[in-house]
Amino acid sequence: MAIYLNNSCDITNTPYYCTDAFAKGEPTEFRLSTDCLIPGQEILIRVWSADGTAIDWHLGDGRFKIGAYLDNPDYLGKILWGSNGEGSFSGGLGGWNTFGSCNNTALWKWSNDTMCTKGLYSFTGGRITSLSACNGAACFDADYYDTGGVLPGSGSCIAPEAGILESPNIDISAKDSSAGINIYFTQALRQKKSEFFIDFSFDNGLSWFSKQINTIDENKNL
């Protein structure tokens, strides 16, 4: 299934979202932020089966169901930071800071809603399917930095690379100290010997706590 945010049926039209989850026998659900929708906008959804070719199309014959609805999850009223656009990458990094550079070039950069990845191994591009991907995302293009899109070791910043993306201060003073706080974000990555961490500070950056994420361990709660 592929979702297109314009009404162009041209072959060069790039899908906003594309998945093969149906091939795995699982239903697909995709959420889209209202910030990325325009009143009266037409959205195209393309559904196809990999079992049938153009000649033997009948081999992929089947049924599908599509439903569209407004989603208002109950956690929205409990968000301390982010519900009003705080921390978003709308048109740039906003109030986020970047640390770590190579040849005086920051490694974390803002990317528009098309492609983030230009690396040698980025066969399908680097688009993230977050709720607000329409106005951009933060990107660490390790593949391109190392390969230049041509050959390993020929890029402008040879691996290993390391960079930090730091959020603005988040005021949690209104939160009950006896209750926990969840960090929720959307990410897309390709893994090759990389390590990922979330660091957090309660004293304006004087001291930090670190938690590794994206590990084999499924329990990634902070």
N, C-alpha and C. Protein backbone atom coordinates (compact mmCIF):
# COMPACT_ATOMS: atom_id res chain seq x y z
N MET A 1 0.83 -1.18 0.00
CA MET A 1 0.00 0.00 0.00
C MET A 1 0.88 1.24 0.00
N ALA A 2 0.47 2.25 -0.77
CA ALA A 2 1.20 3.50 -0.81
C ALA A 2 0.22 4.66 -0.71
N ILE A 3 0.63 5.72 -0.01
CA ILE A 3 -0.20 6.91 0.17
C ILE A 3 0.49 8.08 -0.51
N TYR A 4 -0.28 8.82 -1.31
CA TYR A 4 0.24 9.99 -2.02
C TYR A 4 -0.55 11.22 -1.56
N LEU A 5 0.19 12.29 -1.25
CA LEU A 5 -0.46 13.50 -0.75
C LEU A 5 -0.74 14.51 -1.85
N ASN A 6 -0.78 14.06 -3.08
CA ASN A 6 -1.23 14.91 -4.18
C ASN A 6 -1.96 14.04 -5.19
N ASN A 7 -2.58 14.66 -6.14
CA ASN A 7 -3.42 13.91 -7.07
C ASN A 7 -2.72 13.58 -8.37
N SER A 8 -1.38 13.58 -8.35
CA SER A 8 -0.63 13.27 -9.56
C SER A 8 -0.46 11.76 -9.71
N CYS A 9 -0.86 11.25 -10.86
CA CYS A 9 -0.69 9.82 -11.14
C CYS A 9 0.55 9.58 -11.99
N ASP A 10 1.38 10.62 -12.13
CA ASP A 10 2.61 10.49 -12.91
C ASP A 10 3.54 9.47 -12.26
N ILE A 11 4.31 8.76 -13.06
CA ILE A 11 5.19 7.71 -12.56
C ILE A 11 6.27 8.26 -11.64
N THR A 12 6.58 9.56 -11.74
CA THR A 12 7.62 10.16 -10.89
C THR A 12 7.08 10.61 -9.53
N ASN A 13 5.78 10.46 -9.33
CA ASN A 13 5.18 10.87 -8.06
C ASN A 13 5.70 9.98 -6.93
N THR A 14 6.32 10.58 -5.93
CA THR A 14 6.90 9.82 -4.82
C THR A 14 5.87 9.65 -3.71
N PRO A 15 5.65 8.43 -3.23
CA PRO A 15 4.68 8.23 -2.15
C PRO A 15 5.14 8.84 -0.84
N TYR A 16 4.20 9.36 -0.09
CA TYR A 16 4.48 9.87 1.25
C TYR A 16 4.75 8.72 2.21
N TYR A 17 4.09 7.60 1.95
CA TYR A 17 4.19 6.43 2.83
C TYR A 17 4.02 5.19 1.99
N CYS A 18 4.84 4.17 2.22
CA CYS A 18 4.74 2.93 1.45
C CYS A 18 5.11 1.77 2.37
N THR A 19 4.34 0.69 2.33
CA THR A 19 4.59 -0.43 3.23
C THR A 19 4.19 -1.74 2.58
N ASP A 20 4.81 -2.82 3.02
CA ASP A 20 4.44 -4.15 2.54
C ASP A 20 3.94 -5.00 3.70
N ALA A 21 3.39 -4.34 4.72
CA ALA A 21 2.95 -5.07 5.91
C ALA A 21 1.89 -6.11 5.60
N PHE A 22 1.09 -5.87 4.57
CA PHE A 22 0.06 -6.84 4.22
C PHE A 22 0.68 -8.17 3.82
N ALA A 23 1.86 -8.11 3.23
CA ALA A 23 2.53 -9.35 2.82
C ALA A 23 2.91 -10.18 4.03
N LYS A 24 2.97 -9.54 5.19
CA LYS A 24 3.30 -10.24 6.42
C LYS A 24 2.06 -10.71 7.16
N GLY A 25 0.89 -10.52 6.53
CA GLY A 25 -0.35 -10.95 7.15
C GLY A 25 -0.83 -10.05 8.26
N GLU A 26 -0.36 -8.80 8.28
CA GLU A 26 -0.76 -7.87 9.33
C GLU A 26 -1.51 -6.68 8.75
N PRO A 27 -2.51 -6.19 9.46
CA PRO A 27 -3.20 -4.98 8.99
C PRO A 27 -2.28 -3.77 9.13
N THR A 28 -2.48 -2.80 8.29
CA THR A 28 -1.65 -1.60 8.31
C THR A 28 -2.46 -0.40 8.78
N GLU A 29 -1.89 0.35 9.72
CA GLU A 29 -2.52 1.58 10.18
C GLU A 29 -1.49 2.69 10.11
N PHE A 30 -1.87 3.78 9.48
CA PHE A 30 -0.96 4.90 9.35
C PHE A 30 -1.63 6.15 9.88
N ARG A 31 -0.95 6.86 10.79
CA ARG A 31 -1.47 8.09 11.37
C ARG A 31 -0.77 9.28 10.73
N LEU A 32 -1.55 10.31 10.46
CA LEU A 32 -1.04 11.51 9.83
C LEU A 32 -1.48 12.71 10.64
N SER A 33 -0.54 13.58 10.98
CA SER A 33 -0.86 14.77 11.76
C SER A 33 -1.74 15.72 10.96
N THR A 34 -2.66 16.37 11.63
CA THR A 34 -3.50 17.36 10.96
C THR A 34 -2.67 18.54 10.49
N ASP A 35 -1.47 18.71 11.04
CA ASP A 35 -0.58 19.78 10.58
C ASP A 35 -0.13 19.55 9.15
N CYS A 36 -0.22 18.30 8.70
CA CYS A 36 0.24 17.96 7.36
C CYS A 36 -0.92 17.82 6.37
N LEU A 37 -2.11 18.17 6.79
CA LEU A 37 -3.27 18.06 5.91
C LEU A 37 -3.80 19.44 5.57
N ILE A 38 -4.21 19.63 4.33
CA ILE A 38 -4.77 20.89 3.86
C ILE A 38 -6.26 20.67 3.60
N PRO A 39 -7.13 21.57 4.11
CA PRO A 39 -8.58 21.41 3.86
C PRO A 39 -8.86 21.26 2.37
N GLY A 40 -9.63 20.24 2.03
CA GLY A 40 -9.97 19.98 0.64
C GLY A 40 -8.91 19.21 -0.13
N GLN A 41 -7.83 18.83 0.55
CA GLN A 41 -6.74 18.12 -0.11
C GLN A 41 -7.17 16.72 -0.51
N GLU A 42 -6.74 16.28 -1.68
CA GLU A 42 -7.04 14.93 -2.15
C GLU A 42 -5.86 14.02 -1.86
N ILE A 43 -6.13 12.87 -1.29
CA ILE A 43 -5.10 11.89 -0.98
C ILE A 43 -5.38 10.63 -1.78
N LEU A 44 -4.35 10.12 -2.44
CA LEU A 44 -4.49 8.89 -3.21
C LEU A 44 -3.89 7.72 -2.44
N ILE A 45 -4.58 6.60 -2.46
CA ILE A 45 -4.09 5.37 -1.82
C ILE A 45 -4.04 4.28 -2.88
N ARG A 46 -2.88 3.70 -3.03
CA ARG A 46 -2.68 2.65 -4.02
C ARG A 46 -2.47 1.32 -3.30
N VAL A 47 -3.21 0.31 -3.71
CA VAL A 47 -3.11 -1.02 -3.10
C VAL A 47 -2.85 -2.03 -4.21
N TRP A 48 -1.90 -2.93 -4.00
CA TRP A 48 -1.60 -3.93 -5.00
C TRP A 48 -1.13 -5.21 -4.33
N SER A 49 -1.08 -6.29 -5.12
CA SER A 49 -0.63 -7.58 -4.61
C SER A 49 0.64 -8.00 -5.34
N ALA A 50 1.60 -8.48 -4.59
CA ALA A 50 2.86 -8.93 -5.20
C ALA A 50 2.70 -10.30 -5.86
N ASP A 51 1.57 -10.96 -5.63
CA ASP A 51 1.38 -12.30 -6.17
C ASP A 51 0.99 -12.30 -7.64
N GLY A 52 0.47 -11.20 -8.11
CA GLY A 52 0.02 -11.15 -9.49
C GLY A 52 0.84 -10.20 -10.33
N THR A 53 1.32 -10.65 -11.49
CA THR A 53 2.05 -9.78 -12.40
C THR A 53 1.05 -9.08 -13.33
N ALA A 54 1.57 -8.23 -14.19
CA ALA A 54 0.68 -7.54 -15.13
C ALA A 54 -0.04 -8.53 -16.03
N ILE A 55 0.64 -9.61 -16.39
CA ILE A 55 0.00 -10.61 -17.26
C ILE A 55 -0.92 -11.52 -16.45
N ASP A 56 -0.42 -12.01 -15.32
CA ASP A 56 -1.21 -12.92 -14.48
C ASP A 56 -1.81 -12.15 -13.30
N TRP A 57 -2.50 -11.07 -13.59
CA TRP A 57 -3.04 -10.21 -12.53
C TRP A 57 -4.02 -10.96 -11.64
N HIS A 58 -4.71 -11.98 -12.21
CA HIS A 58 -5.72 -12.70 -11.45
C HIS A 58 -5.13 -13.47 -10.27
N LEU A 59 -3.79 -13.74 -10.32
CA LEU A 59 -3.16 -14.46 -9.22
C LEU A 59 -3.09 -13.61 -7.96
N GLY A 60 -3.19 -12.32 -8.13
CA GLY A 60 -3.18 -11.42 -6.99
C GLY A 60 -4.56 -10.90 -6.64
N ASP A 61 -5.58 -11.51 -7.20
CA ASP A 61 -6.95 -11.06 -6.95
C ASP A 61 -7.31 -11.26 -5.48
N GLY A 62 -8.02 -10.30 -4.91
CA GLY A 62 -8.41 -10.43 -3.51
C GLY A 62 -9.24 -9.25 -3.06
N ARG A 63 -9.45 -9.14 -1.77
CA ARG A 63 -10.25 -8.06 -1.19
C ARG A 63 -9.41 -7.25 -0.21
N PHE A 64 -9.76 -6.00 -0.06
CA PHE A 64 -9.12 -5.17 0.92
C PHE A 64 -10.13 -4.17 1.47
N LYS A 65 -9.85 -3.69 2.66
CA LYS A 65 -10.71 -2.69 3.30
C LYS A 65 -9.87 -1.47 3.68
N ILE A 66 -10.43 -0.30 3.46
CA ILE A 66 -9.76 0.94 3.83
C ILE A 66 -10.72 1.79 4.66
N GLY A 67 -10.24 2.27 5.76
CA GLY A 67 -11.05 3.14 6.61
C GLY A 67 -10.27 4.38 6.97
N ALA A 68 -10.93 5.53 7.00
CA ALA A 68 -10.29 6.79 7.39
C ALA A 68 -11.12 7.42 8.50
N TYR A 69 -10.46 7.87 9.55
CA TYR A 69 -11.18 8.43 10.68
C TYR A 69 -10.29 9.40 11.44
N LEU A 70 -10.92 10.29 12.18
CA LEU A 70 -10.19 11.21 13.05
C LEU A 70 -9.80 10.50 14.32
N ASP A 71 -8.56 10.68 14.72
CA ASP A 71 -8.03 10.01 15.90
C ASP A 71 -7.78 11.03 17.00
N ASN A 72 -8.30 10.77 18.17
CA ASN A 72 -8.10 11.67 19.31
C ASN A 72 -7.71 10.85 20.53
N PRO A 73 -6.46 10.37 20.55
CA PRO A 73 -6.03 9.51 21.65
C PRO A 73 -6.10 10.22 22.99
N ASP A 74 -6.36 9.46 24.04
CA ASP A 74 -6.58 10.05 25.37
C ASP A 74 -5.31 10.63 25.98
N TYR A 75 -4.12 10.29 25.44
CA TYR A 75 -2.90 10.81 26.03
C TYR A 75 -2.61 12.25 25.64
N LEU A 76 -3.34 12.80 24.67
CA LEU A 76 -3.05 14.16 24.21
C LEU A 76 -3.17 15.19 25.32
N GLY A 77 -4.13 14.98 26.22
CA GLY A 77 -4.32 15.93 27.31
C GLY A 77 -3.27 15.82 28.40
N LYS A 78 -2.37 14.83 28.30
CA LYS A 78 -1.37 14.60 29.32
C LYS A 78 0.04 14.96 28.85
N ILE A 79 0.15 15.57 27.68
CA ILE A 79 1.46 15.89 27.13
C ILE A 79 2.00 17.16 27.77
N LEU A 80 3.21 17.06 28.32
CA LEU A 80 3.85 18.21 28.96
C LEU A 80 4.55 19.11 27.95
N TRP A 81 5.03 18.52 26.87
CA TRP A 81 5.83 19.26 25.91
C TRP A 81 5.72 18.58 24.55
N GLY A 82 5.35 19.35 23.55
CA GLY A 82 5.27 18.79 22.21
C GLY A 82 3.90 18.92 21.55
N SER A 83 2.82 19.05 22.35
CA SER A 83 1.48 19.07 21.77
C SER A 83 1.19 20.37 21.02
N ASN A 84 1.95 21.41 21.31
CA ASN A 84 1.74 22.70 20.64
C ASN A 84 2.85 23.00 19.64
N GLY A 85 3.49 21.96 19.17
CA GLY A 85 4.54 22.13 18.19
C GLY A 85 5.93 22.29 18.76
N GLU A 86 6.05 22.24 20.11
CA GLU A 86 7.38 22.35 20.70
C GLU A 86 8.25 21.17 20.24
N GLY A 87 9.48 21.47 19.92
CA GLY A 87 10.40 20.41 19.55
C GLY A 87 10.26 19.90 18.14
N SER A 88 9.31 20.43 17.38
CA SER A 88 9.13 19.94 16.02
C SER A 88 10.23 20.47 15.11
N PHE A 89 10.41 19.84 13.99
CA PHE A 89 11.42 20.25 13.03
C PHE A 89 10.75 20.88 11.82
N SER A 90 9.81 21.78 12.08
CA SER A 90 9.06 22.42 11.01
C SER A 90 9.92 23.48 10.32
N GLY A 91 10.47 23.12 9.18
CA GLY A 91 11.28 24.04 8.41
C GLY A 91 12.71 24.21 8.89
N GLY A 92 13.11 23.49 9.91
CA GLY A 92 14.48 23.61 10.43
C GLY A 92 14.61 22.94 11.78
N LEU A 93 15.76 23.05 12.41
CA LEU A 93 15.99 22.41 13.70
C LEU A 93 15.35 23.18 14.85
N GLY A 94 14.84 24.39 14.58
CA GLY A 94 14.16 25.14 15.63
C GLY A 94 15.10 25.42 16.80
N GLY A 95 14.62 25.13 18.01
CA GLY A 95 15.42 25.39 19.21
C GLY A 95 16.39 24.29 19.57
N TRP A 96 16.52 23.27 18.73
CA TRP A 96 17.45 22.18 19.01
C TRP A 96 18.88 22.59 18.69
N ASN A 97 19.83 22.08 19.46
CA ASN A 97 21.24 22.33 19.23
C ASN A 97 21.93 21.06 18.76
N THR A 98 22.99 21.22 17.98
CA THR A 98 23.76 20.07 17.51
C THR A 98 25.19 20.18 18.02
N PHE A 99 25.75 19.04 18.41
CA PHE A 99 27.14 18.96 18.86
C PHE A 99 27.81 17.81 18.14
N GLY A 100 29.08 17.99 17.84
CA GLY A 100 29.80 17.00 17.07
C GLY A 100 29.83 17.41 15.61
N SER A 101 31.03 17.55 15.07
CA SER A 101 31.15 17.99 13.68
C SER A 101 32.32 17.28 13.03
N CYS A 102 32.37 17.41 11.72
CA CYS A 102 33.46 16.85 10.95
C CYS A 102 33.80 17.86 9.85
N ASN A 103 35.03 18.31 9.82
CA ASN A 103 35.43 19.34 8.86
C ASN A 103 34.52 20.57 8.99
N ASN A 104 34.22 20.91 10.26
CA ASN A 104 33.40 22.09 10.58
C ASN A 104 31.97 21.99 10.05
N THR A 105 31.51 20.78 9.81
CA THR A 105 30.14 20.57 9.35
C THR A 105 29.36 19.80 10.41
N ALA A 106 28.24 20.36 10.83
CA ALA A 106 27.40 19.67 11.82
C ALA A 106 26.85 18.38 11.22
N LEU A 107 26.85 17.30 12.01
CA LEU A 107 26.42 16.00 11.49
C LEU A 107 24.91 15.81 11.56
N TRP A 108 24.27 16.41 12.55
CA TRP A 108 22.81 16.41 12.58
C TRP A 108 22.33 17.61 11.77
N LYS A 109 21.47 17.37 10.80
CA LYS A 109 20.96 18.43 9.94
C LYS A 109 19.46 18.28 9.76
N TRP A 110 18.85 19.38 9.32
CA TRP A 110 17.43 19.32 8.99
C TRP A 110 17.27 18.83 7.56
N SER A 111 16.28 17.98 7.34
CA SER A 111 15.98 17.48 6.01
C SER A 111 14.53 17.78 5.67
N ASN A 112 14.25 18.07 4.42
CA ASN A 112 12.87 18.35 4.03
C ASN A 112 12.06 17.07 3.96
N ASP A 113 10.87 17.14 3.39
CA ASP A 113 9.96 15.99 3.44
C ASP A 113 10.18 15.02 2.28
N THR A 114 11.27 15.17 1.54
CA THR A 114 11.49 14.24 0.43
C THR A 114 12.48 13.17 0.82
N MET A 115 13.77 13.41 0.65
CA MET A 115 14.76 12.39 0.97
C MET A 115 15.84 12.94 1.88
N CYS A 116 16.17 12.19 2.90
CA CYS A 116 17.25 12.56 3.82
C CYS A 116 18.54 11.89 3.39
N THR A 117 18.46 10.70 2.87
CA THR A 117 19.65 9.88 2.67
C THR A 117 20.12 9.88 1.23
N LYS A 118 21.39 10.21 1.04
CA LYS A 118 22.00 10.16 -0.29
C LYS A 118 23.15 9.17 -0.32
N GLY A 119 23.22 8.30 0.68
CA GLY A 119 24.34 7.39 0.83
C GLY A 119 24.38 6.27 -0.19
N LEU A 120 25.51 5.58 -0.20
CA LEU A 120 25.73 4.48 -1.14
C LEU A 120 24.74 3.34 -0.94
N TYR A 121 24.33 3.11 0.31
CA TYR A 121 23.47 1.97 0.62
C TYR A 121 22.01 2.37 0.83
N SER A 122 21.68 3.54 0.43
CA SER A 122 20.30 4.01 0.60
C SER A 122 19.51 3.73 -0.67
N PHE A 123 19.15 2.49 -0.84
CA PHE A 123 18.49 2.08 -2.08
C PHE A 123 17.08 2.63 -2.19
N THR A 124 16.41 2.79 -1.08
CA THR A 124 15.01 3.25 -1.12
C THR A 124 14.85 4.63 -0.53
N GLY A 125 15.93 5.37 -0.35
CA GLY A 125 15.82 6.72 0.18
C GLY A 125 15.73 6.74 1.69
N GLY A 126 15.57 7.93 2.24
CA GLY A 126 15.61 8.08 3.68
C GLY A 126 14.43 8.82 4.24
N ARG A 127 13.27 8.60 3.68
CA ARG A 127 12.08 9.29 4.17
C ARG A 127 11.58 8.65 5.47
N ILE A 128 11.23 9.47 6.43
CA ILE A 128 10.66 8.99 7.68
C ILE A 128 9.15 9.15 7.62
N THR A 129 8.42 8.17 8.12
CA THR A 129 6.96 8.22 8.07
C THR A 129 6.39 8.64 9.42
N SER A 130 6.89 9.75 9.94
CA SER A 130 6.35 10.28 11.18
C SER A 130 5.07 11.05 10.90
N LEU A 131 4.35 11.41 11.97
CA LEU A 131 3.10 12.13 11.79
C LEU A 131 3.29 13.46 11.10
N SER A 132 4.41 14.11 11.37
CA SER A 132 4.65 15.45 10.84
C SER A 132 5.79 15.49 9.84
N ALA A 133 5.99 14.40 9.11
CA ALA A 133 7.10 14.35 8.16
C ALA A 133 6.95 15.37 7.04
N CYS A 134 5.77 15.91 6.85
CA CYS A 134 5.55 16.85 5.74
C CYS A 134 6.36 18.11 5.89
N ASN A 135 6.72 18.50 7.13
CA ASN A 135 7.47 19.73 7.30
C ASN A 135 8.92 19.49 7.71
N GLY A 136 9.39 18.26 7.54
CA GLY A 136 10.80 17.98 7.74
C GLY A 136 11.12 17.15 8.97
N ALA A 137 12.38 16.78 9.09
CA ALA A 137 12.85 15.95 10.19
C ALA A 137 14.34 16.22 10.40
N ALA A 138 14.86 15.75 11.52
CA ALA A 138 16.30 15.83 11.80
C ALA A 138 16.96 14.58 11.23
N CYS A 139 18.11 14.74 10.61
CA CYS A 139 18.76 13.64 9.90
C CYS A 139 20.23 13.54 10.26
N PHE A 140 20.70 12.32 10.51
CA PHE A 140 22.12 12.03 10.67
C PHE A 140 22.48 11.03 9.56
N ASP A 141 23.07 11.52 8.49
CA ASP A 141 23.30 10.71 7.29
C ASP A 141 24.69 10.07 7.32
N ALA A 142 24.88 9.11 8.23
CA ALA A 142 26.19 8.49 8.42
C ALA A 142 26.70 7.82 7.14
N ASP A 143 25.80 7.20 6.40
CA ASP A 143 26.16 6.52 5.16
C ASP A 143 26.80 7.51 4.18
N TYR A 144 26.13 8.63 3.95
CA TYR A 144 26.62 9.61 2.99
C TYR A 144 27.91 10.27 3.46
N TYR A 145 28.00 10.54 4.76
CA TYR A 145 29.23 11.15 5.27
C TYR A 145 30.44 10.26 5.01
N ASP A 146 30.26 8.95 5.13
CA ASP A 146 31.39 8.03 4.95
C ASP A 146 31.64 7.70 3.48
N THR A 147 30.58 7.48 2.72
CA THR A 147 30.75 6.99 1.35
C THR A 147 30.66 8.08 0.28
N GLY A 148 30.05 9.22 0.62
CA GLY A 148 29.82 10.23 -0.39
C GLY A 148 28.86 9.76 -1.46
N GLY A 149 28.16 8.65 -1.18
CA GLY A 149 27.26 8.07 -2.16
C GLY A 149 27.97 7.29 -3.25
N VAL A 150 29.30 7.12 -3.12
CA VAL A 150 30.09 6.49 -4.18
C VAL A 150 30.85 5.26 -3.69
N LEU A 151 31.70 5.45 -2.65
CA LEU A 151 32.59 4.37 -2.23
C LEU A 151 32.89 4.52 -0.74
N PRO A 152 32.87 3.43 0.03
CA PRO A 152 33.20 3.53 1.46
C PRO A 152 34.56 4.20 1.68
N GLY A 153 34.58 5.16 2.60
CA GLY A 153 35.81 5.86 2.91
C GLY A 153 36.12 7.03 2.01
N SER A 154 35.24 7.34 1.07
CA SER A 154 35.50 8.44 0.14
C SER A 154 34.68 9.68 0.44
N GLY A 155 33.92 9.66 1.53
CA GLY A 155 33.08 10.80 1.87
C GLY A 155 33.83 11.87 2.63
N SER A 156 33.09 12.88 3.07
CA SER A 156 33.70 14.03 3.74
C SER A 156 33.97 13.78 5.21
N CYS A 157 33.39 12.72 5.79
CA CYS A 157 33.59 12.42 7.20
C CYS A 157 33.60 10.91 7.37
N ILE A 158 34.79 10.34 7.44
CA ILE A 158 34.94 8.89 7.44
C ILE A 158 34.45 8.30 8.77
N ALA A 159 33.75 7.18 8.71
CA ALA A 159 33.26 6.50 9.91
C ALA A 159 34.44 6.02 10.76
N PRO A 160 34.25 5.97 12.08
CA PRO A 160 32.99 6.23 12.80
C PRO A 160 32.74 7.71 13.06
N GLU A 161 31.46 8.10 13.01
CA GLU A 161 31.06 9.46 13.30
C GLU A 161 30.19 9.46 14.56
N ALA A 162 30.14 10.60 15.22
CA ALA A 162 29.31 10.73 16.42
C ALA A 162 28.74 12.14 16.47
N GLY A 163 27.48 12.25 16.84
CA GLY A 163 26.85 13.55 16.94
C GLY A 163 25.76 13.56 17.98
N ILE A 164 25.46 14.72 18.51
CA ILE A 164 24.44 14.89 19.54
C ILE A 164 23.41 15.91 19.06
N LEU A 165 22.15 15.59 19.27
CA LEU A 165 21.05 16.50 18.99
C LEU A 165 20.37 16.79 20.32
N GLU A 166 20.44 18.04 20.77
CA GLU A 166 19.96 18.40 22.10
C GLU A 166 18.71 19.26 22.01
N SER A 167 17.69 18.87 22.75
CA SER A 167 16.42 19.60 22.74
C SER A 167 16.51 20.88 23.56
N PRO A 168 15.56 21.79 23.39
CA PRO A 168 15.46 22.94 24.30
C PRO A 168 15.10 22.44 25.70
N ASN A 169 15.18 23.31 26.71
CA ASN A 169 14.77 22.95 28.06
C ASN A 169 13.29 22.60 28.08
N ILE A 170 12.95 21.55 28.81
CA ILE A 170 11.56 21.10 28.93
C ILE A 170 11.11 21.28 30.38
N ASP A 171 10.12 22.09 30.59
CA ASP A 171 9.64 22.38 31.93
C ASP A 171 8.69 21.27 32.39
N ILE A 172 9.09 20.52 33.42
CA ILE A 172 8.25 19.44 33.95
C ILE A 172 7.81 19.75 35.37
N SER A 173 7.88 21.04 35.76
CA SER A 173 7.55 21.41 37.14
C SER A 173 6.09 21.14 37.48
N ALA A 174 5.22 21.12 36.48
CA ALA A 174 3.80 20.89 36.75
C ALA A 174 3.47 19.41 36.88
N LYS A 175 4.46 18.55 36.65
CA LYS A 175 4.24 17.12 36.69
C LYS A 175 4.39 16.59 38.11
N ASP A 176 3.47 15.69 38.51
CA ASP A 176 3.54 15.04 39.81
C ASP A 176 4.84 14.23 39.88
N SER A 177 5.70 14.55 40.84
CA SER A 177 7.00 13.90 40.94
C SER A 177 6.89 12.41 41.26
N SER A 178 5.75 11.96 41.76
CA SER A 178 5.59 10.55 42.11
C SER A 178 5.25 9.70 40.89
N ALA A 179 4.90 10.36 39.77
CA ALA A 179 4.54 9.63 38.56
C ALA A 179 5.69 9.67 37.57
N GLY A 180 5.72 8.71 36.69
CA GLY A 180 6.77 8.65 35.69
C GLY A 180 6.50 9.56 34.50
N ILE A 181 7.51 9.74 33.69
CA ILE A 181 7.41 10.54 32.47
C ILE A 181 7.88 9.69 31.30
N ASN A 182 7.09 9.65 30.25
CA ASN A 182 7.44 8.90 29.05
C ASN A 182 8.00 9.84 27.98
N ILE A 183 8.96 9.35 27.24
CA ILE A 183 9.48 10.06 26.08
C ILE A 183 9.02 9.31 24.84
N TYR A 184 8.33 10.02 23.98
CA TYR A 184 7.77 9.39 22.78
C TYR A 184 8.26 10.15 21.56
N PHE A 185 8.84 9.44 20.60
CA PHE A 185 9.27 10.08 19.36
C PHE A 185 9.28 9.05 18.24
N THR A 186 9.34 9.54 17.03
CA THR A 186 9.38 8.67 15.85
C THR A 186 10.77 8.71 15.25
N GLN A 187 11.29 7.55 14.88
CA GLN A 187 12.60 7.47 14.28
C GLN A 187 12.59 6.48 13.12
N ALA A 188 13.51 6.66 12.20
CA ALA A 188 13.74 5.71 11.12
C ALA A 188 15.24 5.55 10.97
N LEU A 189 15.72 4.32 10.88
CA LEU A 189 17.17 4.13 10.83
C LEU A 189 17.53 2.85 10.09
N ARG A 190 18.76 2.83 9.61
CA ARG A 190 19.36 1.61 9.10
C ARG A 190 20.56 1.32 9.98
N GLN A 191 20.71 0.10 10.36
CA GLN A 191 21.69 -0.24 11.39
C GLN A 191 22.90 -0.96 10.80
N LYS A 192 24.09 -0.45 11.15
CA LYS A 192 25.33 -1.16 10.87
C LYS A 192 26.35 -0.75 11.92
N LYS A 193 26.42 -1.52 12.98
CA LYS A 193 27.39 -1.31 14.07
C LYS A 193 27.22 0.05 14.75
N SER A 194 26.01 0.59 14.75
CA SER A 194 25.78 1.89 15.39
C SER A 194 25.25 1.68 16.80
N GLU A 195 25.42 2.71 17.63
CA GLU A 195 24.86 2.73 18.98
C GLU A 195 24.06 4.01 19.15
N PHE A 196 22.95 3.90 19.89
CA PHE A 196 22.03 5.02 20.04
C PHE A 196 21.72 5.22 21.52
N PHE A 197 21.70 6.47 21.95
CA PHE A 197 21.48 6.77 23.36
C PHE A 197 20.53 7.96 23.50
N ILE A 198 19.76 7.94 24.58
CA ILE A 198 19.01 9.12 25.02
C ILE A 198 19.63 9.58 26.33
N ASP A 199 20.08 10.81 26.37
CA ASP A 199 20.64 11.40 27.59
C ASP A 199 19.66 12.44 28.13
N PHE A 200 19.55 12.52 29.44
CA PHE A 200 18.64 13.50 30.02
C PHE A 200 19.24 14.09 31.29
N SER A 201 18.90 15.34 31.53
CA SER A 201 19.47 16.09 32.65
C SER A 201 18.34 16.78 33.42
N PHE A 202 18.50 16.84 34.75
CA PHE A 202 17.51 17.51 35.60
C PHE A 202 18.07 18.79 36.22
N ASP A 203 19.30 19.17 35.84
CA ASP A 203 19.91 20.35 36.44
C ASP A 203 20.49 21.29 35.38
N ASN A 204 19.74 21.42 34.29
CA ASN A 204 20.11 22.35 33.22
C ASN A 204 21.44 21.97 32.57
N GLY A 205 21.69 20.67 32.48
CA GLY A 205 22.85 20.20 31.75
C GLY A 205 24.12 20.06 32.55
N LEU A 206 24.07 20.28 33.86
CA LEU A 206 25.27 20.14 34.67
C LEU A 206 25.67 18.67 34.81
N SER A 207 24.69 17.79 34.89
CA SER A 207 24.95 16.35 34.95
C SER A 207 23.95 15.64 34.07
N TRP A 208 24.34 14.48 33.57
CA TRP A 208 23.50 13.77 32.60
C TRP A 208 23.37 12.30 32.98
N PHE A 209 22.22 11.72 32.64
CA PHE A 209 21.97 10.29 32.74
C PHE A 209 21.80 9.77 31.31
N SER A 210 22.21 8.55 31.07
CA SER A 210 22.19 8.02 29.72
C SER A 210 21.49 6.67 29.68
N LYS A 211 20.72 6.45 28.61
CA LYS A 211 20.03 5.19 28.40
C LYS A 211 20.19 4.77 26.95
N GLN A 212 20.75 3.58 26.74
CA GLN A 212 20.92 3.09 25.37
C GLN A 212 19.59 2.58 24.84
N ILE A 213 19.30 2.88 23.58
CA ILE A 213 18.07 2.44 22.94
C ILE A 213 18.41 1.68 21.66
N ASN A 214 17.37 1.13 21.04
CA ASN A 214 17.51 0.37 19.79
C ASN A 214 18.45 -0.82 19.96
N THR A 215 18.33 -1.48 21.08
CA THR A 215 19.12 -2.67 21.35
C THR A 215 18.25 -3.91 21.16
N ILE A 216 18.85 -5.06 21.31
CA ILE A 216 18.10 -6.30 21.20
C ILE A 216 17.07 -6.40 22.31
N ASP A 217 17.40 -5.83 23.45
CA ASP A 217 16.49 -5.82 24.59
C ASP A 217 15.22 -5.05 24.22
N GLU A 218 14.09 -5.70 24.32
CA GLU A 218 12.82 -5.05 23.94
C GLU A 218 12.32 -4.08 24.99
N ASN A 219 12.84 -4.16 26.20
CA ASN A 219 12.39 -3.26 27.26
C ASN A 219 13.25 -1.99 27.22
N LYS A 220 12.75 -0.97 26.56
CA LYS A 220 13.51 0.25 26.37
C LYS A 220 12.94 1.39 27.20
N ASN A 221 12.20 1.06 28.24
CA ASN A 221 11.61 2.13 29.07
C ASN A 221 12.71 2.88 29.80
N LEU A 222 12.55 4.19 29.87
CA LEU A 222 13.49 5.00 30.63
C LEU A 222 13.16 4.97 32.10
